[in-house]
Amino acid sequence: MKTYRGSCHCGAVQFECDLDLAEGTSKCDCSACTKGRFWKAIAKADGLRLRRGEDALTDYRFGSGTIHHLFCRTCGVKVFGRGHMEALGGTFFAINLACLDDVTPAELLQAPIAYQDGRNNNWSSPPAETRHL
């Protein structure tokens, strides 16, 4: 487990999160993740600390509406998502790895990636093609 610092592009939103990238990351092929090229790692409920910018966040939900996709209202960057699923231990944050300011390329290259078929609501299986993700 390591504590990372992260932010949106303009710096209005700043956070710290506790992640173990060796536990895995994921990419999904649902329309929102594909269009945003969202690559995520999961932090527990107490594993994210918003340091600045709660008032700068805007919430977007689609589909079932269970995941809160949180964006900076100034620069438009999705910094993380928030949801609640018992399979993930309850409340969690899906951290946008591109927003981590102090992650190294070596850490990202070593992080395992699981692919999820969100386009067909088959989250436990990878899509047939993943090269575009």
Protein backbone atom coordinates (compact mmCIF):
# COMPACT_ATOMS: atom_id res chain seq x y z
CA MET A 1 0.00 0.00 0.00
CA LYS A 2 1.30 3.42 -0.96
CA THR A 3 -0.10 6.91 -0.52
CA TYR A 4 -0.29 8.88 -3.77
CA ARG A 5 -1.09 12.52 -4.37
CA GLY A 6 -3.39 13.42 -7.22
CA SER A 7 -5.16 16.31 -8.85
CA CYS A 8 -7.21 17.41 -11.81
CA HIS A 9 -5.55 19.31 -14.68
CA CYS A 10 -6.13 22.81 -13.30
CA GLY A 11 -5.35 21.88 -9.69
CA ALA A 12 -8.72 22.91 -8.29
CA VAL A 13 -9.22 19.34 -7.01
CA GLN A 14 -6.42 17.76 -5.00
CA PHE A 15 -6.49 14.48 -3.11
CA GLU A 16 -4.45 11.75 -1.50
CA CYS A 17 -5.28 8.08 -1.85
CA ASP A 18 -3.96 4.78 -0.58
CA LEU A 19 -3.51 2.20 -3.33
CA ASP A 20 -1.71 -1.06 -3.86
CA LEU A 21 -1.23 -1.10 -7.62
CA ALA A 22 0.11 -4.67 -7.39
CA GLU A 23 -3.43 -5.72 -6.39
CA GLY A 24 -4.53 -4.70 -9.86
CA THR A 25 -6.06 -2.00 -11.97
CA SER A 26 -8.84 -2.15 -14.53
CA LYS A 27 -10.12 -0.76 -17.78
CA CYS A 28 -13.71 -1.06 -18.90
CA ASP A 29 -15.28 -0.85 -22.35
CA CYS A 30 -18.52 0.87 -21.31
CA SER A 31 -19.25 4.04 -23.26
CA ALA A 32 -18.09 6.43 -20.50
CA CYS A 33 -14.82 4.64 -19.73
CA THR A 34 -14.02 4.13 -23.40
CA LYS A 35 -14.64 7.76 -24.34
CA GLY A 36 -12.65 9.01 -21.33
CA ARG A 37 -9.91 6.34 -21.52
CA PHE A 38 -10.50 5.79 -17.81
CA TRP A 39 -7.89 3.50 -16.20
CA LYS A 40 -8.67 2.93 -12.55
CA ALA A 41 -7.54 1.41 -9.28
CA ILE A 42 -9.86 0.90 -6.33
CA ALA A 43 -9.38 2.66 -2.99
CA LYS A 44 -11.38 1.74 0.10
CA ALA A 45 -13.79 4.29 1.59
CA ASP A 46 -11.17 5.53 4.05
CA GLY A 47 -8.43 5.38 1.39
CA LEU A 48 -9.23 8.72 -0.25
CA ARG A 49 -8.73 12.10 1.37
CA LEU A 50 -9.91 15.14 -0.55
CA ARG A 51 -7.40 17.92 0.25
CA ARG A 52 -8.94 20.63 -1.85
CA GLY A 53 -11.82 21.27 -4.21
CA GLU A 54 -14.93 19.55 -2.93
CA ASP A 55 -16.86 22.55 -4.22
CA ALA A 56 -15.14 22.16 -7.62
CA LEU A 57 -16.47 18.63 -8.16
CA THR A 58 -19.52 17.91 -10.26
CA ASP A 59 -21.33 14.56 -10.28
CA TYR A 60 -22.39 12.65 -13.38
CA ARG A 61 -24.41 9.43 -13.27
CA PHE A 62 -25.75 7.28 -16.07
CA GLY A 63 -27.19 3.82 -16.60
CA SER A 64 -28.27 2.47 -13.22
CA GLY A 65 -26.98 5.65 -11.56
CA THR A 66 -25.13 3.75 -8.85
CA ILE A 67 -21.67 5.14 -9.63
CA HIS A 68 -20.95 8.84 -9.05
CA HIS A 69 -18.47 9.96 -11.74
CA LEU A 70 -16.81 13.03 -10.23
CA PHE A 71 -15.32 15.70 -12.51
CA CYS A 72 -13.64 19.04 -11.93
CA ARG A 73 -16.17 21.63 -13.05
CA THR A 74 -13.33 23.93 -14.22
CA CYS A 75 -11.11 21.70 -16.37
CA GLY A 76 -13.45 18.74 -16.92
CA VAL A 77 -11.08 16.00 -15.74
CA LYS A 78 -12.67 12.95 -14.11
CA VAL A 79 -10.57 12.48 -10.99
CA PHE A 80 -12.42 9.54 -9.47
CA GLY A 81 -15.70 7.75 -9.17
CA ARG A 82 -17.53 6.75 -5.99
CA GLY A 83 -19.80 3.78 -5.49
CA HIS A 84 -20.97 1.13 -3.10
CA MET A 85 -20.74 -2.59 -3.86
CA GLU A 86 -20.53 -5.34 -1.28
CA ALA A 87 -18.24 -7.30 -3.64
CA LEU A 88 -15.72 -4.46 -3.32
CA GLY A 89 -16.06 -4.20 0.46
CA GLY A 90 -18.78 -1.54 0.53
CA THR A 91 -18.09 2.08 -0.35
CA PHE A 92 -15.14 2.55 -2.70
CA PHE A 93 -13.43 5.09 -4.93
CA ALA A 94 -12.30 4.31 -8.48
CA ILE A 95 -9.20 6.48 -8.81
CA ASN A 96 -8.21 7.77 -12.26
CA LEU A 97 -4.57 6.68 -12.52
CA ALA A 98 -3.87 9.49 -14.99
CA CYS A 99 -4.59 11.95 -12.14
CA LEU A 100 -1.89 10.59 -9.82
CA ASP A 101 0.81 13.25 -9.73
CA ASP A 102 3.55 11.11 -8.20
CA VAL A 103 3.05 7.67 -9.74
CA THR A 104 6.03 6.57 -11.81
CA PRO A 105 5.89 5.04 -15.29
CA ALA A 106 7.54 1.93 -13.81
CA GLU A 107 4.73 1.54 -11.26
CA LEU A 108 2.09 1.81 -13.99
CA LEU A 109 3.91 -0.66 -16.24
CA GLN A 110 4.08 -3.21 -13.42
CA ALA A 111 0.43 -2.85 -12.39
CA PRO A 112 -1.74 -5.77 -13.55
CA ILE A 113 -4.72 -4.74 -15.69
CA ALA A 114 -8.08 -6.54 -15.68
CA TYR A 115 -10.49 -5.76 -18.50
CA GLN A 116 -14.25 -5.52 -17.93
CA ASP A 117 -17.00 -5.89 -20.50
CA GLY A 118 -19.12 -2.98 -19.29
CA ARG A 119 -20.60 -2.47 -22.74
CA ASN A 120 -22.56 -5.70 -22.26
CA ASN A 121 -22.95 -5.42 -18.46
CA ASN A 122 -20.71 -8.47 -18.11
CA TRP A 123 -18.33 -6.98 -15.55
CA SER A 124 -16.73 -10.29 -14.56
CA SER A 125 -15.48 -11.06 -18.08
CA PRO A 126 -13.16 -9.22 -20.42
CA PRO A 127 -14.47 -7.96 -23.76
CA ALA A 128 -13.39 -9.83 -26.87
CA GLU A 129 -11.04 -6.96 -27.87
CA THR A 130 -9.00 -4.84 -25.45
CA ARG A 131 -6.23 -3.27 -27.54
CA HIS A 132 -8.21 -0.01 -27.91
CA LEU A 133 -8.62 0.38 -24.16
